[in-house]
Amino acid sequence: MTTRSITEMRNEHQVLAELTYEPGSLERGYANLALRIDLDKNVIETRQVTEQMKELWVGGKGFCLWFMFQEINPNTRWDSPENPICLSSGPLGGTASFPGSGKTLVTSVSPLTYSIIDSNVGGYFGPYLKFAGFDALCIVGKAKDEVVVYIDPVNSRITIETAPMESIDSHLLAEELTEMYADDEMDKRNIAVVSAGRAANHVRMGILNFSFYDWRRQVPRMKQAGRGGIGTVFRNKKLKALIIKNRDYIPAWRIADSPVAQAIQPKAEDILETDKAEVRQIISRWNDDPEYVIEMMQDIQDRERFISRASIDHLNKITGVPKAQLYHIATFYKAFSLEPRGETTIQVCVGTACHVRGSGRILEAFERELDIEQGATTKDGKFSLEAVACLGCCSLAPVVKIGDEVFGNVQAKDVTKIIHGKRG
């Protein structure tokens, strides 16, 4: 953190433009408003999101491109004032129920390719923009001085402000602005900062950094929109940062609201009751923080060899993370299983190199020998069988991995001997 005080920095800000507005409620994933900011004219205005836009462009990258086509002309270059930076999330943005729904899509005319490019990035900015009442944000023009844009739905205002004293470097700038605009330590989670950093002033491959606050480290961390040099366009506009403040609510989701979650719930007879004391201890190691629920699930998977319904229920009660989200995580990541896995996992590579050398026959041989299908576990709980896309040992194809041991140049006739050796 810089030696200059946050108060000193804030006192040097001059408000160049301000828009007051009333954040609306979401309707079927849409806020039905977009935000346009002109840094040349210091104008902040809202634009209606029409039904035609939804039908033809959906959201996310589609909305970004729609706004770009309103701004650019055949002569627009990456450093032209009218070259917009557009940011948007899709209609599922911020639902916290589907993997990837937290992404922000960013588009601009690229200083590297001279064509329209897009990049996507994690973090909280996209969902916070949606919660603030906007489906998209379009920034055009070039500021005369270093400025920040602050979107504050809590106080129903958006401002363009000069920011002469803050750092250029993103890691320092994110700390300063998070401290500046948060009400207290807890409120820092509600601040997201977008910035480009010093290097973007000198190269055409500059990236955009999207901050999110890590309470465990007590510092903002970064996700990057790294394609196409969008960070260079950002700095060319003398835009030091975008800051957004969340309204501090989480959309409520229940299994009853999600047909997908209902369909994938494991059957009661397939569940082994998890030792709740052990699960509670695992959750406590992560301070009951819902932001680390994936890490909690990894620890539970390591201990139980699957994620049981009892574990899902316990995670839901302690962390408050909706069950629908927990089931989506458990089914999205290959490392998790809703059914018990064997003591040893047998992985048969079916990637291109292994496939052309007969890995399909090897997989069938394992299925016959173990009397299970791919994806299942033997009745004695000793082995689980998986087909995987690649094991990274193409020179040894066909490849099989059993536990931590790798077998190369495997043939179907070798399977019985391998299994007998593993059974001891």
Protein backbone atom coordinates (compact mmCIF):
# COMPACT_ATOMS: atom_id res chain seq x y z
CA MET A 1 0.00 0.00 0.00
CA THR A 2 1.27 3.47 -0.82
CA THR A 3 2.46 5.81 1.95
CA ARG A 4 -0.05 8.44 0.82
CA SER A 5 -3.23 8.18 2.84
CA ILE A 6 -6.51 7.07 1.30
CA THR A 7 -8.11 10.24 2.62
CA GLU A 8 -5.55 12.39 0.79
CA MET A 9 -6.20 10.55 -2.44
CA ARG A 10 -9.95 10.83 -2.10
CA ASN A 11 -9.75 14.54 -1.35
CA GLU A 12 -7.94 15.10 -4.64
CA HIS A 13 -10.81 13.63 -6.63
CA GLN A 14 -12.89 16.02 -8.70
CA VAL A 15 -16.29 14.82 -9.90
CA LEU A 16 -16.52 15.54 -13.63
CA ALA A 17 -19.93 13.97 -14.22
CA GLU A 18 -22.62 12.33 -12.13
CA LEU A 19 -25.76 10.36 -12.89
CA THR A 20 -28.32 9.45 -10.26
CA TYR A 21 -30.54 6.48 -11.01
CA GLU A 22 -32.74 3.93 -9.32
CA PRO A 23 -31.45 0.35 -9.69
CA GLY A 24 -34.25 -1.84 -10.97
CA SER A 25 -34.99 -5.47 -10.29
CA LEU A 26 -33.95 -8.29 -12.60
CA GLU A 27 -36.53 -9.87 -14.89
CA ARG A 28 -35.73 -13.32 -16.28
CA GLY A 29 -32.01 -12.63 -16.11
CA TYR A 30 -32.16 -9.12 -17.57
CA ALA A 31 -31.90 -5.70 -15.95
CA ASN A 32 -33.25 -4.20 -19.21
CA LEU A 33 -30.81 -1.28 -19.04
CA ALA A 34 -27.30 -0.68 -20.31
CA LEU A 35 -24.83 2.03 -19.32
CA ARG A 36 -22.91 4.24 -21.77
CA ILE A 37 -20.06 6.51 -20.62
CA ASP A 38 -18.37 9.08 -22.87
CA LEU A 39 -15.01 10.16 -21.43
CA ASP A 40 -14.60 12.91 -24.06
CA LYS A 41 -17.81 14.71 -23.19
CA ASN A 42 -18.08 13.52 -19.56
CA VAL A 43 -21.55 12.18 -20.25
CA ILE A 44 -23.13 9.25 -18.41
CA GLU A 45 -26.37 7.88 -19.84
CA THR A 46 -28.51 4.77 -19.78
CA ARG A 47 -29.77 2.87 -22.82
CA GLN A 48 -32.77 0.60 -22.99
CA VAL A 49 -32.22 -3.11 -23.65
CA THR A 50 -34.93 -4.03 -26.14
CA GLU A 51 -36.71 -7.33 -26.72
CA GLN A 52 -35.11 -7.45 -30.17
CA MET A 53 -31.65 -7.24 -28.57
CA LYS A 54 -32.48 -10.15 -26.31
CA GLU A 55 -33.83 -12.27 -29.15
CA LEU A 56 -30.96 -11.60 -31.56
CA TRP A 57 -27.97 -10.99 -29.29
CA VAL A 58 -28.92 -12.77 -26.02
CA GLY A 59 -26.32 -11.09 -23.78
CA GLY A 60 -22.65 -11.32 -22.83
CA LYS A 61 -20.50 -11.09 -25.95
CA GLY A 62 -23.63 -10.57 -28.04
CA PHE A 63 -24.57 -7.38 -26.20
CA CYS A 64 -20.95 -6.19 -26.32
CA LEU A 65 -20.90 -6.59 -30.11
CA TRP A 66 -24.29 -4.91 -30.49
CA PHE A 67 -23.02 -1.81 -28.68
CA MET A 68 -19.74 -1.85 -30.60
CA PHE A 69 -21.57 -1.78 -33.92
CA GLN A 70 -23.40 1.36 -32.76
CA GLU A 71 -20.11 3.15 -32.08
CA ILE A 72 -17.51 2.17 -34.67
CA ASN A 73 -17.19 3.05 -38.35
CA PRO A 74 -15.00 1.67 -41.19
CA ASN A 75 -12.12 3.97 -40.16
CA THR A 76 -12.10 3.16 -36.44
CA ARG A 77 -8.69 2.09 -35.15
CA TRP A 78 -7.78 0.71 -31.75
CA ASP A 79 -6.69 4.17 -30.53
CA SER A 80 -9.63 6.08 -32.04
CA PRO A 81 -11.74 7.88 -29.43
CA GLU A 82 -14.88 6.12 -30.67
CA ASN A 83 -13.36 2.66 -30.17
CA PRO A 84 -15.48 1.32 -27.32
CA ILE A 85 -14.64 -0.98 -24.47
CA CYS A 86 -17.78 -3.02 -23.83
CA LEU A 87 -18.38 -5.25 -20.82
CA SER A 88 -21.32 -7.56 -20.20
CA SER A 89 -22.43 -10.78 -18.59
CA GLY A 90 -25.14 -13.02 -19.97
CA PRO A 91 -28.69 -13.51 -18.66
CA LEU A 92 -27.38 -16.14 -16.22
CA GLY A 93 -24.67 -13.75 -14.97
CA GLY A 94 -24.47 -13.75 -11.20
CA THR A 95 -26.94 -16.57 -10.60
CA ALA A 96 -24.29 -18.49 -8.60
CA SER A 97 -25.92 -21.70 -9.76
CA PHE A 98 -24.13 -22.52 -13.00
CA PRO A 99 -20.34 -22.81 -13.50
CA GLY A 100 -19.04 -19.89 -15.54
CA SER A 101 -22.00 -17.63 -14.76
CA GLY A 102 -19.68 -15.19 -12.99
CA LYS A 103 -17.77 -14.38 -16.17
CA THR A 104 -17.51 -10.92 -17.73
CA LEU A 105 -17.17 -10.63 -21.52
CA VAL A 106 -15.08 -7.73 -22.83
CA THR A 107 -14.80 -6.53 -26.45
CA SER A 108 -12.89 -3.80 -28.31
CA VAL A 109 -10.96 -3.12 -31.51
CA SER A 110 -7.61 -4.75 -30.82
CA PRO A 111 -4.23 -2.97 -31.04
CA LEU A 112 -2.74 -6.37 -31.96
CA THR A 113 -5.08 -7.59 -34.70
CA TYR A 114 -6.85 -4.32 -35.68
CA SER A 115 -10.09 -6.28 -35.59
CA ILE A 116 -12.83 -6.77 -33.01
CA ILE A 117 -11.77 -9.23 -30.34
CA ASP A 118 -13.31 -10.53 -27.16
CA SER A 119 -11.96 -11.83 -23.89
CA ASN A 120 -13.66 -13.36 -20.87
CA VAL A 121 -12.63 -13.07 -17.26
CA GLY A 122 -13.69 -14.27 -13.83
CA GLY A 123 -14.08 -12.23 -10.69
CA TYR A 124 -17.15 -10.35 -9.49
CA PHE A 125 -17.44 -7.37 -11.84
CA GLY A 126 -19.94 -8.94 -14.28
CA PRO A 127 -22.38 -10.13 -11.60
CA TYR A 128 -22.02 -6.86 -9.65
CA LEU A 129 -22.82 -4.91 -12.84
CA LYS A 130 -25.96 -7.01 -13.24
CA PHE A 131 -26.93 -6.49 -9.59
CA ALA A 132 -26.35 -2.74 -10.07
CA GLY A 133 -29.08 -2.76 -12.70
CA PHE A 134 -27.16 -2.99 -16.00
CA ASP A 135 -26.84 -5.74 -18.59
CA ALA A 136 -23.86 -4.08 -20.27
CA LEU A 137 -21.41 -1.19 -20.02
CA CYS A 138 -20.01 0.72 -23.02
CA ILE A 139 -17.12 3.19 -22.60
CA VAL A 140 -16.08 5.53 -25.43
CA GLY A 141 -13.91 8.63 -25.80
CA LYS A 142 -10.63 9.62 -24.16
CA ALA A 143 -10.32 11.49 -20.90
CA LYS A 144 -8.15 14.60 -20.68
CA ASP A 145 -6.79 13.57 -17.28
CA GLU A 146 -6.48 10.29 -15.38
CA VAL A 147 -10.00 9.32 -14.31
CA VAL A 148 -11.92 6.56 -12.57
CA VAL A 149 -15.53 5.57 -13.09
CA TYR A 150 -17.44 4.61 -9.95
CA ILE A 151 -20.74 2.69 -10.14
CA ASP A 152 -22.49 2.84 -6.77
CA PRO A 153 -25.96 1.26 -6.73
CA VAL A 154 -26.03 1.47 -2.92
CA ASN A 155 -26.28 5.25 -3.14
CA SER A 156 -27.87 5.19 -6.63
CA ARG A 157 -25.15 7.21 -8.36
CA ILE A 158 -22.49 6.84 -11.05
CA THR A 159 -19.57 9.25 -11.33
CA ILE A 160 -16.58 10.07 -13.47
CA GLU A 161 -13.84 11.37 -11.15
CA THR A 162 -10.30 12.59 -11.64
CA ALA A 163 -7.81 10.39 -9.78
CA PRO A 164 -4.39 12.07 -9.85
CA MET A 165 -2.75 10.45 -6.82
CA GLU A 166 -3.63 6.76 -7.04
CA SER A 167 -1.10 4.22 -8.26
CA ILE A 168 -1.01 3.04 -11.85
CA ASP A 169 0.09 -0.51 -10.98
CA SER A 170 -2.98 -2.71 -10.71
CA HIS A 171 -2.11 -4.58 -7.52
CA LEU A 172 -1.57 -1.33 -5.62
CA LEU A 173 -4.46 0.48 -7.27
CA ALA A 174 -6.91 -2.29 -6.40
CA GLU A 175 -5.83 -2.11 -2.74
CA GLU A 176 -6.20 1.67 -2.66
CA LEU A 177 -9.61 1.80 -4.32
CA THR A 178 -10.99 -1.14 -2.36
CA GLU A 179 -9.99 0.60 0.86
CA MET A 180 -11.33 3.92 -0.42
CA TYR A 181 -14.81 2.81 -1.41
CA ALA A 182 -15.53 0.05 1.14
CA ASP A 183 -17.40 1.01 4.31
CA ASP A 184 -15.50 -1.50 6.45
CA GLU A 185 -13.49 -4.71 6.26
CA MET A 186 -16.51 -6.86 5.47
CA ASP A 187 -17.67 -4.44 2.79
CA LYS A 188 -14.41 -4.94 0.88
CA ARG A 189 -15.94 -8.08 -0.58
CA ASN A 190 -18.47 -5.84 -2.30
CA ILE A 191 -15.84 -3.87 -4.23
CA ALA A 192 -14.55 -4.92 -7.65
CA VAL A 193 -11.91 -2.91 -9.53
CA VAL A 194 -10.96 -3.12 -13.21
CA SER A 195 -7.57 -1.68 -14.20
CA ALA A 196 -4.76 -2.18 -16.70
CA GLY A 197 -1.48 -1.25 -15.03
CA ARG A 198 1.71 0.51 -16.03
CA ALA A 199 2.87 -1.93 -18.71
CA ALA A 200 -0.22 -1.24 -20.83
CA ASN A 201 1.14 2.29 -21.40
CA HIS A 202 4.10 0.83 -23.31
CA VAL A 203 2.96 -2.35 -25.08
CA ARG A 204 0.05 -3.36 -27.29
CA MET A 205 -0.62 -6.58 -25.42
CA GLY A 206 -1.85 -4.95 -22.21
CA ILE A 207 -4.35 -6.95 -20.16
CA LEU A 208 -7.26 -5.97 -17.94
CA ASN A 209 -7.09 -6.95 -14.27
CA PHE A 210 -10.38 -7.65 -12.45
CA SER A 211 -10.07 -7.62 -8.67
CA PHE A 212 -11.94 -9.59 -6.03
CA TYR A 213 -11.28 -9.33 -2.30
CA ASP A 214 -9.74 -12.36 -0.56
CA TRP A 215 -10.63 -12.02 3.13
CA ARG A 216 -8.17 -14.73 4.17
CA ARG A 217 -5.21 -12.86 2.68
CA GLN A 218 -6.88 -9.51 3.38
CA VAL A 219 -5.91 -8.25 -0.04
CA PRO A 220 -7.59 -7.94 -3.46
CA ARG A 221 -6.62 -10.67 -5.91
CA MET A 222 -6.80 -10.53 -9.69
CA LYS A 223 -8.38 -12.28 -12.65
CA GLN A 224 -7.29 -11.30 -16.14
CA ALA A 225 -8.94 -10.55 -19.47
CA GLY A 226 -5.73 -11.27 -21.34
CA ARG A 227 -6.61 -11.42 -25.03
CA GLY A 228 -6.20 -8.83 -27.75
CA GLY A 229 -4.56 -6.00 -25.84
CA ILE A 230 -7.77 -4.65 -24.28
CA GLY A 231 -5.71 -3.27 -21.38
CA THR A 232 -3.81 -1.09 -23.85
CA VAL A 233 -7.09 0.39 -25.13
CA PHE A 234 -8.16 0.98 -21.52
CA ARG A 235 -5.01 2.96 -20.68
CA ASN A 236 -5.12 4.83 -24.00
CA LYS A 237 -8.40 6.32 -22.80
CA LYS A 238 -6.61 7.60 -19.65
CA LEU A 239 -8.95 5.40 -17.69
CA LYS A 240 -7.23 4.45 -14.46
CA ALA A 241 -9.98 2.17 -13.13
CA LEU A 242 -13.59 1.09 -13.11
CA ILE A 243 -14.94 0.56 -9.60
CA ILE A 244 -18.24 -1.06 -8.79
CA LYS A 245 -19.91 -1.64 -5.45
CA ASN A 246 -22.24 -4.55 -4.85
CA ARG A 247 -25.65 -4.12 -3.27
CA ASP A 248 -24.70 -6.99 -0.95
CA TYR A 249 -27.28 -9.58 -1.75
CA ILE A 250 -27.06 -13.11 -3.12
CA PRO A 251 -29.85 -14.52 -5.29
CA ALA A 252 -31.61 -17.32 -3.42
CA TRP A 253 -31.53 -20.71 -5.10
CA ARG A 254 -33.13 -23.94 -3.96
CA ILE A 255 -33.08 -27.42 -5.42
CA ALA A 256 -36.81 -27.04 -5.99
CA ASP A 257 -36.02 -24.13 -8.35
CA SER A 258 -33.55 -26.15 -10.43
CA PRO A 259 -34.71 -29.14 -12.53
CA VAL A 260 -31.06 -29.96 -13.18
CA ALA A 261 -30.29 -30.23 -9.47
CA GLN A 262 -33.38 -32.34 -8.93
CA ALA A 263 -32.40 -34.72 -11.70
CA ILE A 264 -28.89 -35.33 -10.36
CA GLN A 265 -29.70 -35.87 -6.69
CA PRO A 266 -28.27 -39.25 -5.65
CA LYS A 267 -30.65 -41.94 -4.49
CA ALA A 268 -30.93 -42.50 -0.75
CA GLU A 269 -29.96 -46.16 -0.98
CA ASP A 270 -26.69 -45.22 -2.71
CA ILE A 271 -25.59 -42.87 0.08
CA LEU A 272 -23.07 -43.74 2.75
CA GLU A 273 -23.67 -41.58 5.85
CA THR A 274 -20.74 -39.21 6.23
CA ASP A 275 -19.19 -38.71 9.62
CA LYS A 276 -20.62 -35.26 10.39
CA ALA A 277 -17.94 -34.45 12.95
CA GLU A 278 -15.24 -35.00 10.30
CA VAL A 279 -17.11 -32.90 7.76
CA ARG A 280 -17.63 -30.16 10.32
CA GLN A 281 -13.90 -30.19 11.06
CA ILE A 282 -13.09 -29.87 7.35
CA ILE A 283 -15.47 -26.93 6.96
CA SER A 284 -14.03 -25.26 10.07
CA ARG A 285 -10.53 -25.40 8.58
CA TRP A 286 -11.84 -22.99 5.94
CA ASN A 287 -13.52 -20.74 8.54
CA ASP A 288 -17.00 -21.73 7.29
CA ASP A 289 -16.47 -19.31 4.40
CA PRO A 290 -18.69 -20.06 1.37
CA GLU A 291 -16.03 -18.66 -0.97
CA TYR A 292 -13.93 -21.75 -0.22
CA VAL A 293 -16.65 -24.34 -0.64
CA ILE A 294 -14.76 -25.99 -3.54
CA GLU A 295 -11.74 -26.47 -1.32
CA MET A 296 -14.00 -27.94 1.38
CA MET A 297 -15.47 -30.35 -1.17
CA GLN A 298 -11.99 -31.37 -2.31
CA ASP A 299 -11.08 -32.27 1.28
CA ILE A 300 -14.34 -34.20 1.72
CA GLN A 301 -13.75 -36.05 -1.56
CA ASP A 302 -10.23 -36.99 -0.44
CA ARG A 303 -11.54 -38.35 2.85
CA GLU A 304 -14.73 -40.12 1.71
CA ARG A 305 -13.84 -40.80 -1.93
CA PHE A 306 -17.14 -39.17 -2.92
CA ILE A 307 -19.45 -36.27 -2.01
CA SER A 308 -22.42 -37.74 -0.16
CA ARG A 309 -25.85 -36.19 0.20
CA ALA A 310 -25.16 -35.87 3.94
CA SER A 311 -22.06 -33.80 3.11
CA ILE A 312 -24.05 -31.61 0.72
CA ASP A 313 -26.68 -31.02 3.42
CA HIS A 314 -24.01 -30.17 5.99
CA LEU A 315 -22.21 -27.76 3.64
CA ASN A 316 -25.51 -26.06 2.86
CA LYS A 317 -26.48 -25.60 6.52
CA ILE A 318 -23.09 -24.28 7.66
CA THR A 319 -21.96 -22.14 4.72
CA GLY A 320 -25.35 -21.10 3.35
CA VAL A 321 -24.33 -22.07 -0.20
CA PRO A 322 -27.49 -23.22 -2.03
CA LYS A 323 -27.75 -26.96 -2.59
CA ALA A 324 -28.30 -26.39 -6.31
CA GLN A 325 -24.90 -24.71 -6.54
CA LEU A 326 -23.22 -27.48 -4.53
CA TYR A 327 -24.65 -30.17 -6.82
CA HIS A 328 -23.58 -28.21 -9.90
CA ILE A 329 -20.02 -27.99 -8.55
CA ALA A 330 -19.99 -31.70 -7.71
CA THR A 331 -21.05 -32.64 -11.25
CA PHE A 332 -19.06 -30.04 -13.18
CA TYR A 333 -15.58 -30.89 -11.89
CA LYS A 334 -14.12 -34.26 -12.87
CA ALA A 335 -12.40 -34.56 -9.48
CA PHE A 336 -15.74 -34.91 -7.67
CA SER A 337 -18.12 -37.85 -7.59
CA LEU A 338 -21.61 -38.21 -6.13
CA GLU A 339 -21.10 -41.97 -5.88
CA PRO A 340 -18.45 -43.79 -3.83
CA ARG A 341 -15.23 -44.38 -5.72
CA GLY A 342 -13.00 -47.37 -5.31
CA GLU A 343 -9.85 -47.50 -3.23
CA THR A 344 -7.90 -47.41 -6.50
CA THR A 345 -8.88 -45.63 -9.70
CA ILE A 346 -8.00 -47.21 -13.03
CA GLN A 347 -7.73 -44.65 -15.82
CA VAL A 348 -7.58 -45.81 -19.45
CA CYS A 349 -6.43 -43.13 -21.87
CA VAL A 350 -8.69 -42.84 -24.91
CA GLY A 351 -6.97 -39.80 -26.42
CA THR A 352 -5.98 -39.76 -30.08
CA ALA A 353 -2.57 -41.43 -29.74
CA CYS A 354 -3.94 -44.18 -27.50
CA HIS A 355 -7.15 -44.61 -29.49
CA VAL A 356 -5.36 -45.37 -32.76
CA ARG A 357 -3.30 -48.02 -30.92
CA GLY A 358 -6.29 -49.87 -29.54
CA SER A 359 -7.20 -48.27 -26.21
CA GLY A 360 -10.87 -49.03 -26.91
CA ARG A 361 -10.15 -52.76 -26.75
CA ILE A 362 -8.14 -52.25 -23.56
CA LEU A 363 -11.04 -50.44 -21.91
CA GLU A 364 -13.39 -53.28 -22.91
CA ALA A 365 -10.95 -55.79 -21.41
CA PHE A 366 -10.96 -53.94 -18.09
CA GLU A 367 -14.78 -53.82 -18.13
CA ARG A 368 -14.90 -57.62 -18.65
CA GLU A 369 -12.27 -58.35 -16.03
CA LEU A 370 -13.81 -56.10 -13.38
CA ASP A 371 -17.41 -56.86 -14.41
CA ILE A 372 -18.30 -53.16 -14.45
CA GLU A 373 -18.82 -50.48 -17.07
CA GLN A 374 -16.62 -47.43 -17.49
CA GLY A 375 -17.49 -44.87 -14.78
CA ALA A 376 -18.52 -47.52 -12.24
CA THR A 377 -16.95 -49.08 -9.12
CA THR A 378 -16.53 -52.77 -8.32
CA LYS A 379 -18.85 -54.32 -5.74
CA ASP A 380 -15.99 -54.83 -3.29
CA GLY A 381 -15.11 -51.12 -3.52
CA LYS A 382 -11.54 -51.79 -4.60
CA PHE A 383 -11.51 -50.36 -8.14
CA SER A 384 -13.18 -47.59 -10.11
CA LEU A 385 -12.79 -47.53 -13.89
CA GLU A 386 -12.54 -44.31 -15.91
CA ALA A 387 -11.89 -43.41 -19.54
CA VAL A 388 -9.84 -40.19 -19.72
CA ALA A 389 -8.99 -37.90 -22.61
CA CYS A 390 -5.23 -37.76 -22.01
CA LEU A 391 -2.66 -38.88 -19.45
CA GLY A 392 0.21 -36.88 -20.96
CA CYS A 393 2.26 -39.95 -21.94
CA CYS A 394 1.61 -40.16 -25.67
CA SER A 395 5.01 -41.72 -26.39
CA LEU A 396 3.96 -44.74 -24.26
CA ALA A 397 0.56 -45.18 -25.94
CA PRO A 398 -1.64 -47.01 -25.17
CA VAL A 399 -1.41 -45.87 -21.56
CA VAL A 400 -3.19 -46.98 -18.38
CA LYS A 401 -2.80 -45.36 -14.97
CA ILE A 402 -3.69 -47.34 -11.84
CA GLY A 403 -3.49 -45.21 -8.73
CA ASP A 404 -0.18 -43.40 -9.11
CA GLU A 405 1.43 -46.06 -11.32
CA VAL A 406 1.58 -45.61 -15.10
CA PHE A 407 1.61 -48.59 -17.50
CA GLY A 408 2.77 -47.96 -21.06
CA ASN A 409 2.39 -49.96 -24.29
CA VAL A 410 -0.48 -51.91 -22.76
CA GLN A 411 -2.30 -54.57 -24.77
CA ALA A 412 -5.72 -56.05 -24.09
CA LYS A 413 -4.16 -59.41 -23.23
CA ASP A 414 -2.18 -57.72 -20.40
CA VAL A 415 -5.28 -56.61 -18.47
CA THR A 416 -5.92 -59.84 -16.55
CA LYS A 417 -2.31 -60.00 -15.37
CA ILE A 418 -2.35 -56.33 -14.32
CA ILE A 419 -5.56 -56.72 -12.31
CA HIS A 420 -4.34 -59.91 -10.60
CA GLY A 421 -1.13 -58.12 -9.65
CA LYS A 422 -3.09 -55.24 -8.12
CA ARG A 423 -5.44 -57.54 -6.21
CA GLY A 424 -2.37 -59.16 -4.65
